[in-house]
Amino acid sequence: MMVFPSVRITTPVVWLEAPEWLTPEEASYLSGYDLDTIHWLIQDGAVDTKQDGDTWLIEKESLLEFREALLDVLRWSRG
């Protein structure tokens, strides 16, 4: 499990050092999305997940791909 610093700094190095499978809290920290959004991404199937007991885990790579695709849409919509 990741240890969260008191200040959110998500650099490429932080992404690289993060585990392959993230808890919702870790995914929220890395992506900057709130927990409600992370839970929506899980329920909607927007990210790859697996269940570990009662906890859903999010594949880090699929979360990164989702963020990049969203940024592409935002750039495209602004012309």
C-alpha atoms as a PDB file:
ATOM      1  CA  MET A   1       0.000   0.000   0.000  1.00  0.00           C
ATOM      2  CA  MET A   2       1.206   3.469  -0.858  1.00  0.00           C
ATOM      3  CA  VAL A   3       2.028   6.013   1.806  1.00  0.00           C
ATOM      4  CA  PHE A   4       0.398   9.318   0.948  1.00  0.00           C
ATOM      5  CA  PRO A   5       2.427  12.459   1.574  1.00  0.00           C
ATOM      6  CA  SER A   6       0.533  15.375   3.089  1.00  0.00           C
ATOM      7  CA  VAL A   7       0.892  17.370  -0.155  1.00  0.00           C
ATOM      8  CA  ARG A   8      -0.369  15.846  -3.413  1.00  0.00           C
ATOM      9  CA  ILE A   9       2.436  15.774  -5.970  1.00  0.00           C
ATOM     10  CA  THR A  10       1.750  13.391  -8.822  1.00  0.00           C
ATOM     11  CA  THR A  11       4.764  13.339 -11.078  1.00  0.00           C
ATOM     12  CA  PRO A  12       5.576  10.666 -13.676  1.00  0.00           C
ATOM     13  CA  VAL A  13       7.918   9.136 -11.094  1.00  0.00           C
ATOM     14  CA  VAL A  14       5.067   8.826  -8.576  1.00  0.00           C
ATOM     15  CA  TRP A  15       2.984   7.053 -11.248  1.00  0.00           C
ATOM     16  CA  LEU A  16       5.880   4.713 -12.059  1.00  0.00           C
ATOM     17  CA  GLU A  17       6.450   3.825  -8.410  1.00  0.00           C
ATOM     18  CA  ALA A  18       2.769   3.150  -7.724  1.00  0.00           C
ATOM     19  CA  PRO A  19       1.683  -0.497  -7.598  1.00  0.00           C
ATOM     20  CA  GLU A  20       0.131  -2.120 -10.675  1.00  0.00           C
ATOM     21  CA  TRP A  21      -3.225  -2.471  -8.858  1.00  0.00           C
ATOM     22  CA  LEU A  22      -4.518   0.484  -6.849  1.00  0.00           C
ATOM     23  CA  THR A  23      -7.069   0.792  -4.088  1.00  0.00           C
ATOM     24  CA  PRO A  24      -9.739   3.436  -4.740  1.00  0.00           C
ATOM     25  CA  GLU A  25      -7.921   5.768  -2.325  1.00  0.00           C
ATOM     26  CA  GLU A  26      -4.608   5.314  -4.158  1.00  0.00           C
ATOM     27  CA  ALA A  27      -6.331   5.821  -7.519  1.00  0.00           C
ATOM     28  CA  SER A  28      -7.936   8.994  -6.208  1.00  0.00           C
ATOM     29  CA  TYR A  29      -4.607  10.320  -4.967  1.00  0.00           C
ATOM     30  CA  LEU A  30      -2.782   9.575  -8.214  1.00  0.00           C
ATOM     31  CA  SER A  31      -5.460  10.788 -10.598  1.00  0.00           C
ATOM     32  CA  GLY A  32      -6.734  13.765  -8.636  1.00  0.00           C
ATOM     33  CA  TYR A  33     -10.306  12.462  -8.993  1.00  0.00           C
ATOM     34  CA  ASP A  34     -12.436  12.331  -5.855  1.00  0.00           C
ATOM     35  CA  LEU A  35     -13.542   8.961  -4.484  1.00  0.00           C
ATOM     36  CA  ASP A  36     -17.057   9.335  -5.892  1.00  0.00           C
ATOM     37  CA  THR A  37     -15.582   9.677  -9.388  1.00  0.00           C
ATOM     38  CA  ILE A  38     -13.307   6.671  -8.838  1.00  0.00           C
ATOM     39  CA  HIS A  39     -16.312   4.598  -7.727  1.00  0.00           C
ATOM     40  CA  TRP A  40     -18.229   5.755 -10.797  1.00  0.00           C
ATOM     41  CA  LEU A  41     -15.310   4.707 -13.053  1.00  0.00           C
ATOM     42  CA  ILE A  42     -15.365   1.267 -11.426  1.00  0.00           C
ATOM     43  CA  GLN A  43     -19.147   0.868 -11.750  1.00  0.00           C
ATOM     44  CA  ASP A  44     -19.196   2.149 -15.333  1.00  0.00           C
ATOM     45  CA  GLY A  45     -16.369  -0.156 -16.408  1.00  0.00           C
ATOM     46  CA  ALA A  46     -14.269   2.802 -17.549  1.00  0.00           C
ATOM     47  CA  VAL A  47     -11.178   1.273 -15.910  1.00  0.00           C
ATOM     48  CA  ASP A  48     -10.014  -2.312 -15.535  1.00  0.00           C
ATOM     49  CA  THR A  49     -10.663  -3.704 -12.079  1.00  0.00           C
ATOM     50  CA  LYS A  50     -10.429  -6.829 -10.004  1.00  0.00           C
ATOM     51  CA  GLN A  51     -11.824  -7.643  -6.616  1.00  0.00           C
ATOM     52  CA  ASP A  52      -9.642  -8.501  -3.619  1.00  0.00           C
ATOM     53  CA  GLY A  53     -12.043  -9.592  -0.901  1.00  0.00           C
ATOM     54  CA  ASP A  54     -14.400  -6.662  -0.345  1.00  0.00           C
ATOM     55  CA  THR A  55     -12.080  -4.164  -2.041  1.00  0.00           C
ATOM     56  CA  TRP A  56     -12.090  -3.272  -5.713  1.00  0.00           C
ATOM     57  CA  LEU A  57      -8.656  -2.658  -7.197  1.00  0.00           C
ATOM     58  CA  ILE A  58      -8.049  -0.498 -10.258  1.00  0.00           C
ATOM     59  CA  GLU A  59      -5.372  -1.309 -12.803  1.00  0.00           C
ATOM     60  CA  LYS A  60      -2.977   1.641 -12.831  1.00  0.00           C
ATOM     61  CA  GLU A  61      -2.424   1.489 -16.596  1.00  0.00           C
ATOM     62  CA  SER A  62      -6.148   1.636 -17.382  1.00  0.00           C
ATOM     63  CA  LEU A  63      -6.571   4.641 -15.073  1.00  0.00           C
ATOM     64  CA  LEU A  64      -3.718   6.406 -16.846  1.00  0.00           C
ATOM     65  CA  GLU A  65      -5.239   5.561 -20.246  1.00  0.00           C
ATOM     66  CA  PHE A  66      -8.616   6.937 -19.115  1.00  0.00           C
ATOM     67  CA  ARG A  67      -7.016  10.213 -17.986  1.00  0.00           C
ATOM     68  CA  GLU A  68      -5.075  10.582 -21.244  1.00  0.00           C
ATOM     69  CA  ALA A  69      -8.186   9.876 -23.348  1.00  0.00           C
ATOM     70  CA  LEU A  70     -10.166  12.449 -21.364  1.00  0.00           C
ATOM     71  CA  LEU A  71      -7.413  15.033 -21.886  1.00  0.00           C
ATOM     72  CA  ASP A  72      -7.446  14.287 -25.638  1.00  0.00           C
ATOM     73  CA  VAL A  73     -11.217  14.896 -25.753  1.00  0.00           C
ATOM     74  CA  LEU A  74     -10.841  18.164 -23.849  1.00  0.00           C
ATOM     75  CA  ARG A  75      -8.068  19.336 -26.196  1.00  0.00           C
ATOM     76  CA  TRP A  76     -10.102  18.345 -29.257  1.00  0.00           C
ATOM     77  CA  SER A  77     -13.222  20.135 -27.996  1.00  0.00           C
ATOM     78  CA  ARG A  78     -11.307  23.375 -27.497  1.00  0.00           C
ATOM     79  CA  GLY A  79     -10.120  23.356 -31.102  1.00  0.00           C
END
